[in-house]
Amino acid sequence: MGVLAHPGEDRLGHDGARVAIGPTRAGRYLRVVYVPEPNGIFVIKAYDLSGKVLTAYRRRMRRRKR
């Protein structure tokens, strides 16, 4: 999954989970909630970003590039 290989953001979530946000190769933006495991990862949930959440993510990425 491209988002996990090269996330725009990768933050700590709840109960040991992590949240990665970023673009896919197809151009969609996903938020992926996952748990790192010794032999890989366990994806809990993955969904498209849209609306205000996507706008806020893009704004953070623009500010980060400065």
PDB file of N, CA and C in Angstrom:
ATOM      1  N   MET A   1       0.853  -1.172   0.000  1.00  0.00           N
ATOM      2  CA  MET A   1       0.000   0.000   0.000  1.00  0.00           C
ATOM      3  C   MET A   1       0.901   1.237   0.000  1.00  0.00           C
ATOM      4  N   GLY A   2       0.748   2.098  -0.981  1.00  0.00           N
ATOM      5  CA  GLY A   2       1.607   3.255  -1.153  1.00  0.00           C
ATOM      6  C   GLY A   2       1.574   4.241  -0.003  1.00  0.00           C
ATOM      7  N   VAL A   3       0.419   4.376   0.634  1.00  0.00           N
ATOM      8  CA  VAL A   3       0.295   5.322   1.745  1.00  0.00           C
ATOM      9  C   VAL A   3       1.205   4.913   2.894  1.00  0.00           C
ATOM     10  N   LEU A   4       1.306   3.636   3.157  1.00  0.00           N
ATOM     11  CA  LEU A   4       2.152   3.172   4.255  1.00  0.00           C
ATOM     12  C   LEU A   4       3.629   3.208   3.888  1.00  0.00           C
ATOM     13  N   ALA A   5       3.944   3.051   2.618  1.00  0.00           N
ATOM     14  CA  ALA A   5       5.342   3.095   2.188  1.00  0.00           C
ATOM     15  C   ALA A   5       5.890   4.517   2.225  1.00  0.00           C
ATOM     16  N   HIS A   6       5.080   5.494   1.831  1.00  0.00           N
ATOM     17  CA  HIS A   6       5.502   6.896   1.774  1.00  0.00           C
ATOM     18  C   HIS A   6       4.388   7.803   2.280  1.00  0.00           C
ATOM     19  N   PRO A   7       4.101   7.785   3.587  1.00  0.00           N
ATOM     20  CA  PRO A   7       3.006   8.615   4.092  1.00  0.00           C
ATOM     21  C   PRO A   7       3.402  10.086   4.162  1.00  0.00           C
ATOM     22  N   GLY A   8       2.427  10.944   3.952  1.00  0.00           N
ATOM     23  CA  GLY A   8       2.655  12.368   4.170  1.00  0.00           C
ATOM     24  C   GLY A   8       2.754  12.638   5.663  1.00  0.00           C
ATOM     25  N   GLU A   9       1.913  11.955   6.424  1.00  0.00           N
ATOM     26  CA  GLU A   9       1.929  12.033   7.890  1.00  0.00           C
ATOM     27  C   GLU A   9       1.828  10.614   8.442  1.00  0.00           C
ATOM     28  N   ASP A  10       2.492  10.375   9.541  1.00  0.00           N
ATOM     29  CA  ASP A  10       2.385   9.096  10.243  1.00  0.00           C
ATOM     30  C   ASP A  10       2.444   9.422  11.723  1.00  0.00           C
ATOM     31  N   ARG A  11       1.293   9.359  12.384  1.00  0.00           N
ATOM     32  CA  ARG A  11       1.196   9.784  13.780  1.00  0.00           C
ATOM     33  C   ARG A  11       0.763   8.636  14.683  1.00  0.00           C
ATOM     34  N   LEU A  12       1.023   8.815  15.957  1.00  0.00           N
ATOM     35  CA  LEU A  12       0.595   7.853  16.959  1.00  0.00           C
ATOM     36  C   LEU A  12      -0.907   7.987  17.171  1.00  0.00           C
ATOM     37  N   GLY A  13      -1.610   6.854  17.196  1.00  0.00           N
ATOM     38  CA  GLY A  13      -3.047   6.840  17.445  1.00  0.00           C
ATOM     39  C   GLY A  13      -3.319   6.365  18.865  1.00  0.00           C
ATOM     40  N   HIS A  14      -4.437   5.682  19.059  1.00  0.00           N
ATOM     41  CA  HIS A  14      -4.821   5.170  20.374  1.00  0.00           C
ATOM     42  C   HIS A  14      -4.429   3.707  20.526  1.00  0.00           C
ATOM     43  N   ASP A  15      -4.108   3.312  21.737  1.00  0.00           N
ATOM     44  CA  ASP A  15      -3.838   1.908  22.082  1.00  0.00           C
ATOM     45  C   ASP A  15      -2.768   1.257  21.209  1.00  0.00           C
ATOM     46  N   GLY A  16      -1.706   1.991  20.912  1.00  0.00           N
ATOM     47  CA  GLY A  16      -0.600   1.438  20.147  1.00  0.00           C
ATOM     48  C   GLY A  16      -0.782   1.471  18.640  1.00  0.00           C
ATOM     49  N   ALA A  17      -1.923   1.957  18.190  1.00  0.00           N
ATOM     50  CA  ALA A  17      -2.162   2.054  16.745  1.00  0.00           C
ATOM     51  C   ALA A  17      -1.467   3.293  16.197  1.00  0.00           C
ATOM     52  N   ARG A  18      -1.262   3.309  14.894  1.00  0.00           N
ATOM     53  CA  ARG A  18      -0.688   4.460  14.201  1.00  0.00           C
ATOM     54  C   ARG A  18      -1.648   4.872  13.103  1.00  0.00           C
ATOM     55  N   VAL A  19      -1.573   6.147  12.700  1.00  0.00           N
ATOM     56  CA  VAL A  19      -2.434   6.679  11.649  1.00  0.00           C
ATOM     57  C   VAL A  19      -1.547   7.282  10.575  1.00  0.00           C
ATOM     58  N   ALA A  20      -1.634   6.747   9.365  1.00  0.00           N
ATOM     59  CA  ALA A  20      -0.876   7.261   8.225  1.00  0.00           C
ATOM     60  C   ALA A  20      -1.849   7.930   7.264  1.00  0.00           C
ATOM     61  N   ILE A  21      -1.462   9.099   6.764  1.00  0.00           N
ATOM     62  CA  ILE A  21      -2.275   9.825   5.793  1.00  0.00           C
ATOM     63  C   ILE A  21      -1.390  10.155   4.609  1.00  0.00           C
ATOM     64  N   GLY A  22      -1.914   9.935   3.407  1.00  0.00           N
ATOM     65  CA  GLY A  22      -1.137  10.275   2.229  1.00  0.00           C
ATOM     66  C   GLY A  22      -1.824   9.858   0.948  1.00  0.00           C
ATOM     67  N   PRO A  23      -1.190  10.184  -0.179  1.00  0.00           N
ATOM     68  CA  PRO A  23      -1.782   9.866  -1.479  1.00  0.00           C
ATOM     69  C   PRO A  23      -1.462   8.438  -1.930  1.00  0.00           C
ATOM     70  N   THR A  24      -2.361   7.881  -2.711  1.00  0.00           N
ATOM     71  CA  THR A  24      -2.112   6.600  -3.364  1.00  0.00           C
ATOM     72  C   THR A  24      -1.502   6.872  -4.733  1.00  0.00           C
ATOM     73  N   ARG A  25      -1.057   5.827  -5.408  1.00  0.00           N
ATOM     74  CA  ARG A  25      -0.521   6.003  -6.767  1.00  0.00           C
ATOM     75  C   ARG A  25      -1.601   6.469  -7.734  1.00  0.00           C
ATOM     76  N   ALA A  26      -2.857   6.166  -7.437  1.00  0.00           N
ATOM     77  CA  ALA A  26      -3.973   6.557  -8.297  1.00  0.00           C
ATOM     78  C   ALA A  26      -4.409   8.003  -8.057  1.00  0.00           C
ATOM     79  N   GLY A  27      -3.837   8.661  -7.019  1.00  0.00           N
ATOM     80  CA  GLY A  27      -4.166  10.050  -6.756  1.00  0.00           C
ATOM     81  C   GLY A  27      -5.185  10.278  -5.657  1.00  0.00           C
ATOM     82  N   ARG A  28      -5.735   9.205  -5.094  1.00  0.00           N
ATOM     83  CA  ARG A  28      -6.669   9.362  -3.975  1.00  0.00           C
ATOM     84  C   ARG A  28      -5.872   9.607  -2.702  1.00  0.00           C
ATOM     85  N   TYR A  29      -6.506  10.213  -1.702  1.00  0.00           N
ATOM     86  CA  TYR A  29      -5.882  10.417  -0.404  1.00  0.00           C
ATOM     87  C   TYR A  29      -6.584   9.520   0.603  1.00  0.00           C
ATOM     88  N   LEU A  30      -5.769   8.756   1.363  1.00  0.00           N
ATOM     89  CA  LEU A  30      -6.313   7.814   2.336  1.00  0.00           C
ATOM     90  C   LEU A  30      -5.793   8.102   3.732  1.00  0.00           C
ATOM     91  N   ARG A  31      -6.608   7.752   4.714  1.00  0.00           N
ATOM     92  CA  ARG A  31      -6.178   7.684   6.111  1.00  0.00           C
ATOM     93  C   ARG A  31      -6.213   6.208   6.471  1.00  0.00           C
ATOM     94  N   VAL A  32      -5.078   5.680   6.923  1.00  0.00           N
ATOM     95  CA  VAL A  32      -4.957   4.257   7.254  1.00  0.00           C
ATOM     96  C   VAL A  32      -4.611   4.137   8.731  1.00  0.00           C
ATOM     97  N   VAL A  33      -5.452   3.426   9.469  1.00  0.00           N
ATOM     98  CA  VAL A  33      -5.202   3.145  10.882  1.00  0.00           C
ATOM     99  C   VAL A  33      -4.646   1.729  10.945  1.00  0.00           C
ATOM    100  N   TYR A  34      -3.455   1.575  11.546  1.00  0.00           N
ATOM    101  CA  TYR A  34      -2.803   0.264  11.544  1.00  0.00           C
ATOM    102  C   TYR A  34      -2.021   0.051  12.833  1.00  0.00           C
ATOM    103  N   VAL A  35      -1.662  -1.211  13.065  1.00  0.00           N
ATOM    104  CA  VAL A  35      -0.845  -1.591  14.216  1.00  0.00           C
ATOM    105  C   VAL A  35       0.405  -2.275  13.673  1.00  0.00           C
ATOM    106  N   PRO A  36       1.601  -1.761  14.008  1.00  0.00           N
ATOM    107  CA  PRO A  36       2.829  -2.441  13.589  1.00  0.00           C
ATOM    108  C   PRO A  36       2.971  -3.777  14.329  1.00  0.00           C
ATOM    109  N   GLU A  37       3.375  -4.800  13.616  1.00  0.00           N
ATOM    110  CA  GLU A  37       3.605  -6.114  14.208  1.00  0.00           C
ATOM    111  C   GLU A  37       5.006  -6.576  13.831  1.00  0.00           C
ATOM    112  N   PRO A  38       5.569  -7.540  14.547  1.00  0.00           N
ATOM    113  CA  PRO A  38       6.935  -7.994  14.255  1.00  0.00           C
ATOM    114  C   PRO A  38       7.138  -8.483  12.819  1.00  0.00           C
ATOM    115  N   ASN A  39       6.116  -9.108  12.230  1.00  0.00           N
ATOM    116  CA  ASN A  39       6.272  -9.648  10.877  1.00  0.00           C
ATOM    117  C   ASN A  39       5.524  -8.837   9.816  1.00  0.00           C
ATOM    118  N   GLY A  40       5.152  -7.600  10.110  1.00  0.00           N
ATOM    119  CA  GLY A  40       4.446  -6.755   9.140  1.00  0.00           C
ATOM    120  C   GLY A  40       3.551  -5.756   9.842  1.00  0.00           C
ATOM    121  N   ILE A  41       2.401  -5.498   9.229  1.00  0.00           N
ATOM    122  CA  ILE A  41       1.436  -4.581   9.833  1.00  0.00           C
ATOM    123  C   ILE A  41       0.049  -5.204   9.786  1.00  0.00           C
ATOM    124  N   PHE A  42      -0.820  -4.743  10.685  1.00  0.00           N
ATOM    125  CA  PHE A  42      -2.215  -5.156  10.699  1.00  0.00           C
ATOM    126  C   PHE A  42      -3.045  -3.908  10.472  1.00  0.00           C
ATOM    127  N   VAL A  43      -3.725  -3.824   9.323  1.00  0.00           N
ATOM    128  CA  VAL A  43      -4.543  -2.658   8.996  1.00  0.00           C
ATOM    129  C   VAL A  43      -5.894  -2.806   9.679  1.00  0.00           C
ATOM    130  N   ILE A  44      -6.257  -1.799  10.465  1.00  0.00           N
ATOM    131  CA  ILE A  44      -7.529  -1.790  11.166  1.00  0.00           C
ATOM    132  C   ILE A  44      -8.606  -1.162  10.296  1.00  0.00           C
ATOM    133  N   LYS A  45      -8.263  -0.020   9.689  1.00  0.00           N
ATOM    134  CA  LYS A  45      -9.242   0.700   8.887  1.00  0.00           C
ATOM    135  C   LYS A  45      -8.509   1.568   7.880  1.00  0.00           C
ATOM    136  N   ALA A  46      -9.086   1.730   6.695  1.00  0.00           N
ATOM    137  CA  ALA A  46      -8.540   2.633   5.687  1.00  0.00           C
ATOM    138  C   ALA A  46      -9.716   3.281   4.974  1.00  0.00           C
ATOM    139  N   TYR A  47      -9.676   4.616   4.856  1.00  0.00           N
ATOM    140  CA  TYR A  47     -10.780   5.280   4.178  1.00  0.00           C
ATOM    141  C   TYR A  47     -10.303   6.535   3.467  1.00  0.00           C
ATOM    142  N   ASP A  48     -11.092   6.945   2.460  1.00  0.00           N
ATOM    143  CA  ASP A  48     -10.787   8.131   1.663  1.00  0.00           C
ATOM    144  C   ASP A  48     -10.915   9.392   2.493  1.00  0.00           C
ATOM    145  N   LEU A  49     -10.040  10.349   2.212  1.00  0.00           N
ATOM    146  CA  LEU A  49     -10.174  11.677   2.797  1.00  0.00           C
ATOM    147  C   LEU A  49     -10.971  12.533   1.829  1.00  0.00           C
ATOM    148  N   SER A  50     -11.829  13.379   2.368  1.00  0.00           N
ATOM    149  CA  SER A  50     -12.583  14.306   1.531  1.00  0.00           C
ATOM    150  C   SER A  50     -13.006  15.502   2.376  1.00  0.00           C
ATOM    151  N   GLY A  51     -13.458  16.527   1.713  1.00  0.00           N
ATOM    152  CA  GLY A  51     -13.992  17.695   2.396  1.00  0.00           C
ATOM    153  C   GLY A  51     -12.963  18.432   3.232  1.00  0.00           C
ATOM    154  N   LYS A  52     -13.389  18.844   4.424  1.00  0.00           N
ATOM    155  CA  LYS A  52     -12.546  19.657   5.304  1.00  0.00           C
ATOM    156  C   LYS A  52     -11.295  18.922   5.766  1.00  0.00           C
ATOM    157  N   VAL A  53     -11.401  17.628   5.964  1.00  0.00           N
ATOM    158  CA  VAL A  53     -10.246  16.846   6.421  1.00  0.00           C
ATOM    159  C   VAL A  53      -9.152  16.851   5.352  1.00  0.00           C
ATOM    160  N   LEU A  54      -9.533  16.685   4.098  1.00  0.00           N
ATOM    161  CA  LEU A  54      -8.569  16.706   2.997  1.00  0.00           C
ATOM    162  C   LEU A  54      -7.972  18.098   2.833  1.00  0.00           C
ATOM    163  N   THR A  55      -8.797  19.128   2.951  1.00  0.00           N
ATOM    164  CA  THR A  55      -8.307  20.507   2.854  1.00  0.00           C
ATOM    165  C   THR A  55      -7.291  20.797   3.951  1.00  0.00           C
ATOM    166  N   ALA A  56      -7.571  20.364   5.176  1.00  0.00           N
ATOM    167  CA  ALA A  56      -6.650  20.585   6.295  1.00  0.00           C
ATOM    168  C   ALA A  56      -5.336  19.836   6.074  1.00  0.00           C
ATOM    169  N   TYR A  57      -5.400  18.607   5.565  1.00  0.00           N
ATOM    170  CA  TYR A  57      -4.185  17.835   5.286  1.00  0.00           C
ATOM    171  C   TYR A  57      -3.328  18.549   4.244  1.00  0.00           C
ATOM    172  N   ARG A  58      -3.947  18.987   3.167  1.00  0.00           N
ATOM    173  CA  ARG A  58      -3.194  19.689   2.116  1.00  0.00           C
ATOM    174  C   ARG A  58      -2.563  20.972   2.653  1.00  0.00           C
ATOM    175  N   ARG A  59      -3.284  21.683   3.517  1.00  0.00           N
ATOM    176  CA  ARG A  59      -2.741  22.904   4.125  1.00  0.00           C
ATOM    177  C   ARG A  59      -1.519  22.575   4.975  1.00  0.00           C
ATOM    178  N   ARG A  60      -1.579  21.512   5.779  1.00  0.00           N
ATOM    179  CA  ARG A  60      -0.430  21.117   6.599  1.00  0.00           C
ATOM    180  C   ARG A  60       0.764  20.751   5.734  1.00  0.00           C
ATOM    181  N   MET A  61       0.517  20.073   4.625  1.00  0.00           N
ATOM    182  CA  MET A  61       1.616  19.685   3.737  1.00  0.00           C
ATOM    183  C   MET A  61       2.246  20.913   3.075  1.00  0.00           C
ATOM    184  N   ARG A  62       1.439  21.903   2.702  1.00  0.00           N
ATOM    185  CA  ARG A  62       1.992  23.135   2.122  1.00  0.00           C
ATOM    186  C   ARG A  62       2.859  23.860   3.141  1.00  0.00           C
ATOM    187  N   ARG A  63       2.388  23.950   4.379  1.00  0.00           N
ATOM    188  CA  ARG A  63       3.153  24.630   5.436  1.00  0.00           C
ATOM    189  C   ARG A  63       4.442  23.885   5.747  1.00  0.00           C
ATOM    190  N   ARG A  64       4.401  22.570   5.662  1.00  0.00           N
ATOM    191  CA  ARG A  64       5.568  21.743   5.972  1.00  0.00           C
ATOM    192  C   ARG A  64       6.684  21.926   4.940  1.00  0.00           C
ATOM    193  N   LYS A  65       6.326  22.219   3.698  1.00  0.00           N
ATOM    194  CA  LYS A  65       7.317  22.379   2.636  1.00  0.00           C
ATOM    195  C   LYS A  65       8.064  23.701   2.726  1.00  0.00           C
ATOM    196  N   ARG A  66       7.552  24.644   3.482  1.00  0.00           N
ATOM    197  CA  ARG A  66       8.205  25.960   3.587  1.00  0.00           C
ATOM    198  C   ARG A  66       9.468  25.908   4.375  1.00  0.00           C
TER     199      ARG A  66
END
